C-alpha atoms as a PDB file:
ATOM      1  CA  UNK A   1     260.165  26.557 170.899  1.00  0.00           C
ATOM      2  CA  UNK A   2     261.965  23.565 169.857  1.00  0.00           C
ATOM      3  CA  UNK A   3     261.412  21.766 166.436  1.00  0.00           C
ATOM      4  CA  UNK A   4     262.200  18.251 165.734  1.00  0.00           C
ATOM      5  CA  UNK A   5     264.313  17.513 162.951  1.00  0.00           C
ATOM      6  CA  UNK A   6     261.509  16.173 160.604  1.00  0.00           C
ATOM      7  CA  UNK A   7     259.702  19.349 161.139  1.00  0.00           C
ATOM      8  CA  UNK A   8     262.795  21.736 159.993  1.00  0.00           C
ATOM      9  CA  UNK A   9     263.155  19.823 156.785  1.00  0.00           C
ATOM     10  CA  UNK A  10     260.525  20.077 154.125  1.00  0.00           C
ATOM     11  CA  UNK A  11     261.628  17.007 152.173  1.00  0.00           C
ATOM     12  CA  UNK A  12     259.863  14.014 152.968  1.00  0.00           C
ATOM     13  CA  UNK A  13     262.192  11.152 154.132  1.00  0.00           C
ATOM     14  CA  UNK A  14     263.410   8.716 151.549  1.00  0.00           C
ATOM     15  CA  UNK A  15     262.008   5.168 151.753  1.00  0.00           C
ATOM     16  CA  UNK A  16     265.237   3.363 152.020  1.00  0.00           C
ATOM     17  CA  UNK A  17     266.493   5.633 154.826  1.00  0.00           C
ATOM     18  CA  UNK A  18     264.399   3.197 157.284  1.00  0.00           C
ATOM     19  CA  UNK A  19     266.738   0.276 156.519  1.00  0.00           C
ATOM     20  CA  UNK A  20     269.834   2.369 157.019  1.00  0.00           C
ATOM     21  CA  UNK A  21     268.444   3.486 160.245  1.00  0.00           C
ATOM     22  CA  UNK A  22     267.418   0.297 161.572  1.00  0.00           C
ATOM     23  CA  UNK A  23     271.101  -0.924 161.022  1.00  0.00           C
ATOM     24  CA  UNK A  24     273.012   2.168 162.117  1.00  0.00           C
ATOM     25  CA  UNK A  25     271.167   3.415 165.204  1.00  0.00           C
ATOM     26  CA  UNK A  26     274.336   3.105 167.551  1.00  0.00           C
ATOM     27  CA  UNK A  27     275.284  -0.056 169.626  1.00  0.00           C
ATOM     28  CA  UNK A  28     271.992   0.089 171.757  1.00  0.00           C
ATOM     29  CA  UNK A  29     269.583   1.100 169.071  1.00  0.00           C
ATOM     30  CA  UNK A  30     270.659  -0.880 166.085  1.00  0.00           C
ATOM     31  CA  UNK A  31     269.199  -4.395 165.349  1.00  0.00           C
ATOM     32  CA  UNK A  32     269.445  -6.836 162.280  1.00  0.00           C
ATOM     33  CA  UNK A  33     266.570  -6.560 159.658  1.00  0.00           C
ATOM     34  CA  UNK A  34     263.847  -9.005 159.642  1.00  0.00           C
ATOM     35  CA  UNK A  35     263.475 -11.252 156.678  1.00  0.00           C
ATOM     36  CA  UNK A  36     260.895  -9.109 155.231  1.00  0.00           C
ATOM     37  CA  UNK A  37     262.709  -5.894 155.778  1.00  0.00           C
ATOM     38  CA  UNK A  38     265.784  -7.518 153.934  1.00  0.00           C
ATOM     39  CA  UNK A  39     263.551  -8.430 151.259  1.00  0.00           C
ATOM     40  CA  UNK A  40     262.088  -4.849 150.987  1.00  0.00           C
ATOM     41  CA  UNK A  41     265.552  -3.212 151.143  1.00  0.00           C
ATOM     42  CA  UNK A  42     266.934  -5.544 148.576  1.00  0.00           C
ATOM     43  CA  UNK A  43     263.848  -4.923 146.282  1.00  0.00           C
ATOM     44  CA  UNK A  44     264.594  -1.119 146.236  1.00  0.00           C
ATOM     45  CA  UNK A  45     268.368  -1.849 145.576  1.00  0.00           C
ATOM     46  CA  UNK A  46     267.413  -4.169 142.734  1.00  0.00           C
ATOM     47  CA  UNK A  47     264.800  -1.767 141.297  1.00  0.00           C
ATOM     48  CA  UNK A  48     267.511   1.070 141.203  1.00  0.00           C
ATOM     49  CA  UNK A  49     265.575   3.115 143.754  1.00  0.00           C
ATOM     50  CA  UNK A  50     268.369   4.073 146.136  1.00  0.00           C
ATOM     51  CA  UNK A  51     270.899   6.701 145.859  1.00  0.00           C
ATOM     52  CA  UNK A  52     274.446   5.591 145.595  1.00  0.00           C
ATOM     53  CA  UNK A  53     275.364   7.075 148.857  1.00  0.00           C
ATOM     54  CA  UNK A  54     272.697   5.076 150.505  1.00  0.00           C
ATOM     55  CA  UNK A  55     273.860   1.836 148.799  1.00  0.00           C
ATOM     56  CA  UNK A  56     277.158   2.479 150.374  1.00  0.00           C
ATOM     57  CA  UNK A  57     275.863   3.159 153.690  1.00  0.00           C
ATOM     58  CA  UNK A  58     273.735   0.064 153.694  1.00  0.00           C
ATOM     59  CA  UNK A  59     276.289  -2.318 152.266  1.00  0.00           C
ATOM     60  CA  UNK A  60     279.147  -1.306 154.929  1.00  0.00           C
ATOM     61  CA  UNK A  61     276.941  -1.271 157.764  1.00  0.00           C
ATOM     62  CA  UNK A  62     275.547  -4.738 157.043  1.00  0.00           C
ATOM     63  CA  UNK A  63     279.298  -5.778 156.502  1.00  0.00           C
ATOM     64  CA  UNK A  64     280.255  -4.579 159.943  1.00  0.00           C
ATOM     65  CA  UNK A  65     277.505  -6.366 161.717  1.00  0.00           C
ATOM     66  CA  UNK A  66     277.740  -9.357 159.399  1.00  0.00           C
ATOM     67  CA  UNK A  67     274.367 -10.780 157.846  1.00  0.00           C
ATOM     68  CA  UNK A  68     271.806 -13.003 159.604  1.00  0.00           C
ATOM     69  CA  UNK A  69     270.406 -16.056 158.137  1.00  0.00           C
ATOM     70  CA  UNK A  70     267.078 -13.963 157.959  1.00  0.00           C
ATOM     71  CA  UNK A  71     268.708 -11.027 156.257  1.00  0.00           C
ATOM     72  CA  UNK A  72     270.304 -13.433 153.566  1.00  0.00           C
ATOM     73  CA  UNK A  73     267.020 -15.312 152.760  1.00  0.00           C
ATOM     74  CA  UNK A  74     265.281 -11.827 152.360  1.00  0.00           C
ATOM     75  CA  UNK A  75     268.135 -10.604 150.262  1.00  0.00           C
ATOM     76  CA  UNK A  76     268.252 -13.934 148.089  1.00  0.00           C
ATOM     77  CA  UNK A  77     264.429 -13.789 147.583  1.00  0.00           C
ATOM     78  CA  UNK A  78     264.242 -10.282 146.279  1.00  0.00           C
ATOM     79  CA  UNK A  79     267.262 -10.790 144.114  1.00  0.00           C
ATOM     80  CA  UNK A  80     265.753 -13.897 142.602  1.00  0.00           C
ATOM     81  CA  UNK A  81     262.394 -11.851 141.801  1.00  0.00           C
ATOM     82  CA  UNK A  82     264.114  -8.715 140.456  1.00  0.00           C
ATOM     83  CA  UNK A  83     266.546 -11.016 138.161  1.00  0.00           C
ATOM     84  CA  UNK A  84     263.372 -13.084 136.937  1.00  0.00           C
ATOM     85  CA  UNK A  85     265.351 -16.040 137.942  1.00  0.00           C
ATOM     86  CA  UNK A  86     262.099 -18.015 138.089  1.00  0.00           C
ATOM     87  CA  UNK A  87     262.013 -17.978 134.384  1.00  0.00           C
ATOM     88  CA  UNK A  88     265.335 -20.098 134.446  1.00  0.00           C
ATOM     89  CA  UNK A  89     263.872 -22.790 136.487  1.00  0.00           C
ATOM     90  CA  UNK A  90     263.222 -25.516 134.189  1.00  0.00           C
ATOM     91  CA  UNK A  91     266.274 -26.532 133.319  1.00  0.00           C
ATOM     92  CA  UNK A  92     267.374 -30.017 134.389  1.00  0.00           C
ATOM     93  CA  UNK A  93     270.345 -29.161 136.971  1.00  0.00           C
ATOM     94  CA  UNK A  94     271.441 -31.668 139.828  1.00  0.00           C
ATOM     95  CA  UNK A  95     274.039 -29.586 141.501  1.00  0.00           C
ATOM     96  CA  UNK A  96     274.238 -25.860 141.799  1.00  0.00           C
ATOM     97  CA  UNK A  97     278.019 -24.905 142.331  1.00  0.00           C
ATOM     98  CA  UNK A  98     278.657 -21.174 143.204  1.00  0.00           C
ATOM     99  CA  UNK A  99     282.272 -19.890 142.389  1.00  0.00           C
ATOM    100  CA  UNK A 100     282.870 -16.332 143.277  1.00  0.00           C
ATOM    101  CA  UNK A 101     286.025 -16.334 145.351  1.00  0.00           C
ATOM    102  CA  UNK A 102     288.821 -17.120 142.808  1.00  0.00           C
ATOM    103  CA  UNK A 103     292.078 -19.130 143.751  1.00  0.00           C
ATOM    104  CA  UNK A 104     295.499 -17.919 144.961  1.00  0.00           C
ATOM    105  CA  UNK A 105     297.297 -20.321 146.827  1.00  0.00           C
ATOM    106  CA  UNK A 106     296.617 -23.441 144.673  1.00  0.00           C
ATOM    107  CA  UNK A 107     295.160 -23.982 141.103  1.00  0.00           C
ATOM    108  CA  UNK A 108     291.326 -24.385 141.061  1.00  0.00           C
ATOM    109  CA  UNK A 109     291.224 -28.234 141.117  1.00  0.00           C
ATOM    110  CA  UNK A 110     287.577 -28.223 142.045  1.00  0.00           C
ATOM    111  CA  UNK A 111     286.924 -27.675 138.530  1.00  0.00           C
ATOM    112  CA  UNK A 112     288.197 -31.131 137.717  1.00  0.00           C
ATOM    113  CA  UNK A 113     285.956 -32.422 140.500  1.00  0.00           C
ATOM    114  CA  UNK A 114     282.707 -30.603 138.779  1.00  0.00           C
ATOM    115  CA  UNK A 115     283.980 -32.263 135.511  1.00  0.00           C
ATOM    116  CA  UNK A 116     284.112 -35.766 137.141  1.00  0.00           C
ATOM    117  CA  UNK A 117     280.568 -35.495 138.401  1.00  0.00           C
ATOM    118  CA  UNK A 118     279.446 -34.332 134.847  1.00  0.00           C
ATOM    119  CA  UNK A 119     281.196 -37.193 133.361  1.00  0.00           C
ATOM    120  CA  UNK A 120     279.378 -39.477 135.623  1.00  0.00           C
ATOM    121  CA  UNK A 121     275.797 -38.253 134.856  1.00  0.00           C
ATOM    122  CA  UNK A 122     275.616 -35.417 137.305  1.00  0.00           C
ATOM    123  CA  UNK A 123     274.524 -32.014 135.574  1.00  0.00           C
ATOM    124  CA  UNK A 124     276.485 -29.201 137.316  1.00  0.00           C
ATOM    125  CA  UNK A 125     275.672 -25.546 136.799  1.00  0.00           C
ATOM    126  CA  UNK A 126     278.232 -23.133 138.089  1.00  0.00           C
ATOM    127  CA  UNK A 127     277.999 -19.420 138.309  1.00  0.00           C
ATOM    128  CA  UNK A 128     280.446 -16.859 139.539  1.00  0.00           C
ATOM    129  CA  UNK A 129     282.144 -13.515 139.091  1.00  0.00           C
ATOM    130  CA  UNK A 130     285.573 -12.230 138.514  1.00  0.00           C
ATOM    131  CA  UNK A 131     286.981 -10.217 141.191  1.00  0.00           C
ATOM    132  CA  UNK A 132     289.352  -7.143 141.098  1.00  0.00           C
ATOM    133  CA  UNK A 133     292.391  -9.121 142.412  1.00  0.00           C
ATOM    134  CA  UNK A 134     295.284  -9.540 139.707  1.00  0.00           C
ATOM    135  CA  UNK A 135     296.801 -12.493 141.985  1.00  0.00           C
ATOM    136  CA  UNK A 136     293.668 -14.587 141.973  1.00  0.00           C
ATOM    137  CA  UNK A 137     292.722 -17.291 139.259  1.00  0.00           C
ATOM    138  CA  UNK A 138     288.891 -16.945 138.414  1.00  0.00           C
ATOM    139  CA  UNK A 139     286.931 -19.841 136.972  1.00  0.00           C
ATOM    140  CA  UNK A 140     285.863 -17.923 133.928  1.00  0.00           C
ATOM    141  CA  UNK A 141     289.506 -17.425 133.024  1.00  0.00           C
ATOM    142  CA  UNK A 142     290.567 -20.959 133.645  1.00  0.00           C
ATOM    143  CA  UNK A 143     287.742 -23.030 131.701  1.00  0.00           C
ATOM    144  CA  UNK A 144     289.750 -22.499 128.460  1.00  0.00           C
ATOM    145  CA  UNK A 145     292.769 -24.506 129.773  1.00  0.00           C
ATOM    146  CA  UNK A 146     290.249 -27.563 129.969  1.00  0.00           C
ATOM    147  CA  UNK A 147     288.953 -26.731 126.493  1.00  0.00           C
ATOM    148  CA  UNK A 148     285.716 -25.609 127.621  1.00  0.00           C
ATOM    149  CA  UNK A 149     284.031 -22.169 127.163  1.00  0.00           C
ATOM    150  CA  UNK A 150     281.935 -19.986 129.303  1.00  0.00           C
ATOM    151  CA  UNK A 151     278.461 -19.665 128.288  1.00  0.00           C
ATOM    152  CA  UNK A 152     277.371 -15.972 127.473  1.00  0.00           C
ATOM    153  CA  UNK A 153     273.656 -16.110 128.081  1.00  0.00           C
ATOM    154  CA  UNK A 154     271.234 -18.258 129.693  1.00  0.00           C
ATOM    155  CA  UNK A 155     270.128 -19.902 126.590  1.00  0.00           C
ATOM    156  CA  UNK A 156     273.729 -21.081 125.873  1.00  0.00           C
ATOM    157  CA  UNK A 157     274.003 -22.373 129.250  1.00  0.00           C
ATOM    158  CA  UNK A 158     270.933 -24.579 128.844  1.00  0.00           C
ATOM    159  CA  UNK A 159     272.419 -26.041 125.705  1.00  0.00           C
ATOM    160  CA  UNK A 160     275.706 -26.623 127.233  1.00  0.00           C
ATOM    161  CA  UNK A 161     274.029 -28.242 130.420  1.00  0.00           C
ATOM    162  CA  UNK A 162     272.069 -30.635 127.796  1.00  0.00           C
ATOM    163  CA  UNK A 163     275.342 -31.197 125.726  1.00  0.00           C
ATOM    164  CA  UNK A 164     277.897 -31.848 128.268  1.00  0.00           C
ATOM    165  CA  UNK A 165     276.207 -31.654 131.676  1.00  0.00           C
ATOM    166  CA  UNK A 166     278.326 -28.684 132.826  1.00  0.00           C
ATOM    167  CA  UNK A 167     278.017 -25.038 132.214  1.00  0.00           C
ATOM    168  CA  UNK A 168     279.532 -22.093 133.605  1.00  0.00           C
ATOM    169  CA  UNK A 169     277.801 -18.493 133.513  1.00  0.00           C
ATOM    170  CA  UNK A 170     278.991 -15.390 134.830  1.00  0.00           C
ATOM    171  CA  UNK A 171     276.668 -13.437 137.394  1.00  0.00           C
ATOM    172  CA  UNK A 172     276.386 -10.453 134.799  1.00  0.00           C
ATOM    173  CA  UNK A 173     274.578 -12.680 132.387  1.00  0.00           C
ATOM    174  CA  UNK A 174     271.762 -13.368 134.627  1.00  0.00           C
ATOM    175  CA  UNK A 175     271.716 -10.888 137.419  1.00  0.00           C
ATOM    176  CA  UNK A 176     273.664  -7.777 135.939  1.00  0.00           C
ATOM    177  CA  UNK A 177     272.564  -5.568 138.872  1.00  0.00           C
ATOM    178  CA  UNK A 178     274.159  -7.780 141.655  1.00  0.00           C
ATOM    179  CA  UNK A 179     277.186  -7.856 139.249  1.00  0.00           C
ATOM    180  CA  UNK A 180     277.490  -4.242 139.289  1.00  0.00           C
ATOM    181  CA  UNK A 181     277.158  -4.046 143.017  1.00  0.00           C
ATOM    182  CA  UNK A 182     280.088  -6.676 143.296  1.00  0.00           C
ATOM    183  CA  UNK A 183     282.109  -4.578 140.998  1.00  0.00           C
ATOM    184  CA  UNK A 184     282.078  -1.801 143.793  1.00  0.00           C
ATOM    185  CA  UNK A 185     284.444  -3.695 145.793  1.00  0.00           C
ATOM    186  CA  UNK A 186     287.459  -1.653 144.709  1.00  0.00           C
ATOM    187  CA  UNK A 187     285.667   1.635 145.545  1.00  0.00           C
ATOM    188  CA  UNK A 188     284.609   0.294 149.048  1.00  0.00           C
ATOM    189  CA  UNK A 189     287.883  -1.651 149.866  1.00  0.00           C
ATOM    190  CA  UNK A 190     285.895  -4.273 151.101  1.00  0.00           C
ATOM    191  CA  UNK A 191     283.479  -7.331 149.971  1.00  0.00           C
ATOM    192  CA  UNK A 192     279.650  -6.558 150.645  1.00  0.00           C
ATOM    193  CA  UNK A 193     276.833  -8.721 151.526  1.00  0.00           C
ATOM    194  CA  UNK A 194     276.105  -9.369 147.854  1.00  0.00           C
ATOM    195  CA  UNK A 195     279.295 -11.661 147.814  1.00  0.00           C
ATOM    196  CA  UNK A 196     277.421 -13.911 150.247  1.00  0.00           C
ATOM    197  CA  UNK A 197     274.127 -13.827 148.865  1.00  0.00           C
ATOM    198  CA  UNK A 198     275.076 -14.644 145.123  1.00  0.00           C
ATOM    199  CA  UNK A 199     276.531 -18.076 146.522  1.00  0.00           C
ATOM    200  CA  UNK A 200     272.822 -18.794 147.506  1.00  0.00           C
ATOM    201  CA  UNK A 201     270.989 -17.736 144.176  1.00  0.00           C
ATOM    202  CA  UNK A 202     270.846 -21.332 142.742  1.00  0.00           C
ATOM    203  CA  UNK A 203     269.309 -19.888 139.597  1.00  0.00           C
ATOM    204  CA  UNK A 204     268.164 -23.294 138.013  1.00  0.00           C
ATOM    205  CA  UNK A 205     266.690 -24.497 141.075  1.00  0.00           C
ATOM    206  CA  UNK A 206     268.791 -27.443 141.319  1.00  0.00           C
ATOM    207  CA  UNK A 207     267.641 -29.793 144.291  1.00  0.00           C
ATOM    208  CA  UNK A 208     271.434 -29.898 145.557  1.00  0.00           C
ATOM    209  CA  UNK A 209     273.635 -27.175 146.134  1.00  0.00           C
ATOM    210  CA  UNK A 210     277.341 -26.777 147.176  1.00  0.00           C
ATOM    211  CA  UNK A 211     279.005 -23.591 148.416  1.00  0.00           C
ATOM    212  CA  UNK A 212     282.472 -22.871 149.605  1.00  0.00           C
ATOM    213  CA  UNK A 213     283.099 -19.906 152.228  1.00  0.00           C
ATOM    214  CA  UNK A 214     286.326 -18.406 153.496  1.00  0.00           C
ATOM    215  CA  UNK A 215     285.492 -17.383 156.856  1.00  0.00           C
ATOM    216  CA  UNK A 216     284.172 -20.311 159.249  1.00  0.00           C
ATOM    217  CA  UNK A 217     281.632 -17.817 160.654  1.00  0.00           C
ATOM    218  CA  UNK A 218     279.661 -17.785 157.578  1.00  0.00           C
ATOM    219  CA  UNK A 219     279.387 -21.682 157.296  1.00  0.00           C
ATOM    220  CA  UNK A 220     276.443 -21.924 159.867  1.00  0.00           C
ATOM    221  CA  UNK A 221     274.852 -18.543 158.534  1.00  0.00           C
ATOM    222  CA  UNK A 222     274.898 -20.078 154.921  1.00  0.00           C
ATOM    223  CA  UNK A 223     273.527 -23.495 156.576  1.00  0.00           C
ATOM    224  CA  UNK A 224     270.564 -21.690 158.160  1.00  0.00           C
ATOM    225  CA  UNK A 225     269.708 -19.319 155.185  1.00  0.00           C
ATOM    226  CA  UNK A 226     269.439 -22.354 153.141  1.00  0.00           C
ATOM    227  CA  UNK A 227     267.038 -23.821 155.413  1.00  0.00           C
ATOM    228  CA  UNK A 228     265.024 -20.586 155.302  1.00  0.00           C
ATOM    229  CA  UNK A 229     265.138 -20.665 151.730  1.00  0.00           C
ATOM    230  CA  UNK A 230     263.510 -24.298 151.815  1.00  0.00           C
ATOM    231  CA  UNK A 231     266.457 -25.573 149.625  1.00  0.00           C
ATOM    232  CA  UNK A 232     266.124 -29.479 149.750  1.00  0.00           C
ATOM    233  CA  UNK A 233     269.807 -30.458 150.114  1.00  0.00           C
ATOM    234  CA  UNK A 234     272.702 -28.140 150.438  1.00  0.00           C
ATOM    235  CA  UNK A 235     276.213 -28.322 151.750  1.00  0.00           C
ATOM    236  CA  UNK A 236     278.595 -25.623 152.831  1.00  0.00           C
ATOM    237  CA  UNK A 237     282.452 -25.859 153.683  1.00  0.00           C
ATOM    238  CA  UNK A 238     285.392 -23.616 154.332  1.00  0.00           C
ATOM    239  CA  UNK A 239     287.033 -24.437 150.972  1.00  0.00           C
ATOM    240  CA  UNK A 240     290.443 -23.555 149.808  1.00  0.00           C
ATOM    241  CA  UNK A 241     290.632 -19.819 149.377  1.00  0.00           C
ATOM    242  CA  UNK A 242     286.898 -19.656 149.777  1.00  0.00           C
ATOM    243  CA  UNK A 243     285.893 -21.996 146.770  1.00  0.00           C
ATOM    244  CA  UNK A 244     284.296 -25.331 147.168  1.00  0.00           C
ATOM    245  CA  UNK A 245     287.564 -27.088 147.308  1.00  0.00           C
ATOM    246  CA  UNK A 246     288.711 -29.403 149.956  1.00  0.00           C
ATOM    247  CA  UNK A 247     291.963 -28.871 151.203  1.00  0.00           C
ATOM    248  CA  UNK A 248     293.445 -32.551 151.550  1.00  0.00           C
ATOM    249  CA  UNK A 249     295.806 -31.460 154.129  1.00  0.00           C
ATOM    250  CA  UNK A 250     293.214 -30.291 156.706  1.00  0.00           C
ATOM    251  CA  UNK A 251     290.039 -31.766 158.192  1.00  0.00           C
ATOM    252  CA  UNK A 252     286.956 -30.313 156.779  1.00  0.00           C
ATOM    253  CA  UNK A 253     283.855 -29.653 158.621  1.00  0.00           C
ATOM    254  CA  UNK A 254     280.805 -29.888 156.087  1.00  0.00           C
ATOM    255  CA  UNK A 255     277.524 -28.337 157.337  1.00  0.00           C
ATOM    256  CA  UNK A 256     274.591 -29.378 155.290  1.00  0.00           C
ATOM    257  CA  UNK A 257     270.831 -29.258 154.980  1.00  0.00           C
ATOM    258  CA  UNK A 258     268.643 -32.223 154.019  1.00  0.00           C
ATOM    259  CA  UNK A 259     264.786 -31.766 153.739  1.00  0.00           C
ATOM    260  CA  UNK A 260     264.842 -29.415 156.725  1.00  0.00           C
ATOM    261  CA  UNK A 261     267.457 -31.005 158.754  1.00  0.00           C
ATOM    262  CA  UNK A 262     270.940 -29.621 159.687  1.00  0.00           C
ATOM    263  CA  UNK A 263     273.930 -31.891 159.758  1.00  0.00           C
ATOM    264  CA  UNK A 264     277.312 -31.129 160.768  1.00  0.00           C
ATOM    265  CA  UNK A 265     280.161 -33.763 159.482  1.00  0.00           C
ATOM    266  CA  UNK A 266     283.729 -33.634 159.598  1.00  0.00           C
ATOM    267  CA  UNK A 267     285.721 -35.197 157.021  1.00  0.00           C
ATOM    268  CA  UNK A 268     289.331 -36.155 158.002  1.00  0.00           C
ATOM    269  CA  UNK A 269     292.505 -34.719 156.565  1.00  0.00           C
ATOM    270  CA  UNK A 270     293.867 -36.957 153.847  1.00  0.00           C
ATOM    271  CA  UNK A 271     297.647 -36.785 154.627  1.00  0.00           C
ATOM    272  CA  UNK A 272     299.604 -36.491 157.764  1.00  0.00           C
ATOM    273  CA  UNK A 273     301.938 -33.946 156.671  1.00  0.00           C
ATOM    274  CA  UNK A 274     301.151 -30.437 154.997  1.00  0.00           C
ATOM    275  CA  UNK A 275     302.190 -29.925 151.400  1.00  0.00           C
ATOM    276  CA  UNK A 276     304.245 -26.986 150.573  1.00  0.00           C
ATOM    277  CA  UNK A 277     302.342 -24.700 148.345  1.00  0.00           C
ATOM    278  CA  UNK A 278     303.496 -24.324 144.690  1.00  0.00           C
ATOM    279  CA  UNK A 279     305.827 -21.211 143.869  1.00  0.00           C
ATOM    280  CA  UNK A 280     303.783 -20.130 140.955  1.00  0.00           C
ATOM    281  CA  UNK A 281     300.526 -21.428 139.597  1.00  0.00           C
ATOM    282  CA  UNK A 282     300.300 -22.583 136.045  1.00  0.00           C
ATOM    283  CA  UNK A 283     296.785 -23.142 134.780  1.00  0.00           C
ATOM    284  CA  UNK A 284     298.160 -25.614 132.009  1.00  0.00           C
ATOM    285  CA  UNK A 285     298.754 -28.072 134.766  1.00  0.00           C
ATOM    286  CA  UNK A 286     294.756 -28.341 135.260  1.00  0.00           C
ATOM    287  CA  UNK A 287     294.864 -30.162 131.985  1.00  0.00           C
ATOM    288  CA  UNK A 288     297.951 -32.164 132.048  1.00  0.00           C
ATOM    289  CA  UNK A 289     296.795 -33.491 135.785  1.00  0.00           C
ATOM    290  CA  UNK A 290     293.561 -34.658 134.030  1.00  0.00           C
ATOM    291  CA  UNK A 291     294.995 -36.228 131.144  1.00  0.00           C
ATOM    292  CA  UNK A 292     297.526 -38.053 133.532  1.00  0.00           C
ATOM    293  CA  UNK A 293     300.611 -36.406 131.902  1.00  0.00           C
ATOM    294  CA  UNK A 294     301.731 -34.939 135.185  1.00  0.00           C
ATOM    295  CA  UNK A 295     301.059 -36.677 138.608  1.00  0.00           C
ATOM    296  CA  UNK A 296     300.311 -34.282 141.619  1.00  0.00           C
ATOM    297  CA  UNK A 297     299.562 -36.172 144.929  1.00  0.00           C
ATOM    298  CA  UNK A 298     297.968 -32.650 146.590  1.00  0.00           C
ATOM    299  CA  UNK A 299     295.927 -32.205 143.383  1.00  0.00           C
ATOM    300  CA  UNK A 300     294.448 -35.633 142.834  1.00  0.00           C
ATOM    301  CA  UNK A 301     293.360 -35.771 146.527  1.00  0.00           C
ATOM    302  CA  UNK A 302     291.897 -32.443 146.328  1.00  0.00           C
ATOM    303  CA  UNK A 303     289.858 -33.473 143.303  1.00  0.00           C
ATOM    304  CA  UNK A 304     288.782 -36.740 144.833  1.00  0.00           C
ATOM    305  CA  UNK A 305     288.181 -35.461 148.075  1.00  0.00           C
ATOM    306  CA  UNK A 306     286.003 -32.792 146.887  1.00  0.00           C
ATOM    307  CA  UNK A 307     284.219 -35.004 144.587  1.00  0.00           C
ATOM    308  CA  UNK A 308     283.434 -37.490 147.496  1.00  0.00           C
ATOM    309  CA  UNK A 309     281.753 -34.482 149.549  1.00  0.00           C
ATOM    310  CA  UNK A 310     279.484 -33.658 146.666  1.00  0.00           C
ATOM    311  CA  UNK A 311     278.585 -37.393 146.169  1.00  0.00           C
ATOM    312  CA  UNK A 312     277.736 -37.786 149.889  1.00  0.00           C
ATOM    313  CA  UNK A 313     275.663 -34.762 149.435  1.00  0.00           C
ATOM    314  CA  UNK A 314     274.070 -35.992 146.194  1.00  0.00           C
ATOM    315  CA  UNK A 315     273.046 -39.243 148.107  1.00  0.00           C
ATOM    316  CA  UNK A 316     275.090 -41.344 145.843  1.00  0.00           C
ATOM    317  CA  UNK A 317     276.825 -42.722 148.635  1.00  0.00           C
ATOM    318  CA  UNK A 318     275.967 -43.364 152.298  1.00  0.00           C
ATOM    319  CA  UNK A 319     279.176 -42.852 154.271  1.00  0.00           C
ATOM    320  CA  UNK A 320     282.254 -40.941 153.737  1.00  0.00           C
ATOM    321  CA  UNK A 321     284.210 -44.290 152.913  1.00  0.00           C
ATOM    322  CA  UNK A 322     281.923 -45.203 150.189  1.00  0.00           C
ATOM    323  CA  UNK A 323     281.859 -41.680 148.714  1.00  0.00           C
ATOM    324  CA  UNK A 324     285.679 -41.551 148.841  1.00  0.00           C
ATOM    325  CA  UNK A 325     285.875 -45.037 147.159  1.00  0.00           C
ATOM    326  CA  UNK A 326     283.294 -44.075 144.532  1.00  0.00           C
ATOM    327  CA  UNK A 327     284.806 -40.573 143.940  1.00  0.00           C
ATOM    328  CA  UNK A 328     288.623 -42.714 143.635  1.00  0.00           C
ATOM    329  CA  UNK A 329     286.738 -44.990 141.124  1.00  0.00           C
ATOM    330  CA  UNK A 330     285.588 -41.818 139.037  1.00  0.00           C
ATOM    331  CA  UNK A 331     289.125 -40.617 138.876  1.00  0.00           C
ATOM    332  CA  UNK A 332     290.660 -43.680 138.053  1.00  0.00           C
ATOM    333  CA  UNK A 333     288.069 -44.408 135.151  1.00  0.00           C
ATOM    334  CA  UNK A 334     287.897 -40.919 133.905  1.00  0.00           C
ATOM    335  CA  UNK A 335     288.116 -40.110 130.017  1.00  0.00           C
ATOM    336  CA  UNK A 336     291.679 -38.731 129.885  1.00  0.00           C
ATOM    337  CA  UNK A 337     291.194 -37.703 126.249  1.00  0.00           C
ATOM    338  CA  UNK A 338     287.988 -35.737 125.130  1.00  0.00           C
ATOM    339  CA  UNK A 339     286.935 -37.240 122.102  1.00  0.00           C
END
């Protein structure tokens, strides 16, 4: 008499096992999750109803296969619900800016782009997390060099947005469970899908969202997930080091969504020759370049170029040329001394 596996064990199957099986059932048997399955799976994870061994298996199977737009959208919706992100949605933010990668080759010049937008009436909310890498510069450690402090709570972020049109809040302050999973990176040795989904959280429900990615393959996935999430306007680009920062030495493909329409647009390189990357990174330079004490051709082109992409996304300019001209204007007229 033969017994099936189920008859031999008296233990009922764990509700999360289904999702691991869907992803892991061999080359022929496995398939991606539907948006609803991804939503349910992430719901269980967020509710702490999965075992650590299940979470590790799920994250790594997902990592090997890479997320589909449907899976990402399902994950984001479940995470928003679990973190009660709908409660944050009444702050007047124009542009949601995710910052999770950290910078290694260049300083985070994109911070100056965000401040330039804020100075010109655009409210920018930035969220991110520090990673384990000692060689990368993470946003929350860099803001002090610009005389800014990170918000320590959602309420403080709201105050900063009202006072200075810019705030940075770490993921641990508005979605601690996701932060905990990101912290598993040194244990698993790899990033997990959570590194991707956090970029799409848009906690304050800003009408415009901008994201940098590192691997070009993720660009259309972000673009299509954004469409499924019914985000009115969003842009995603392969940014320097995976942050939302245009490298002025290379052409830059920006993939965006505007009211359900997908748009792909290539911005040209701003220089004919590649710049040599700096020997070491000194964060003091961020303030010195902003104050005009130090001239840095690469930095200035990066700040203006990144600002231009954001301005085009925000509908403040109709063409790349107009956006570039307006961004240059912002830069030239910036307040170099903060009163």
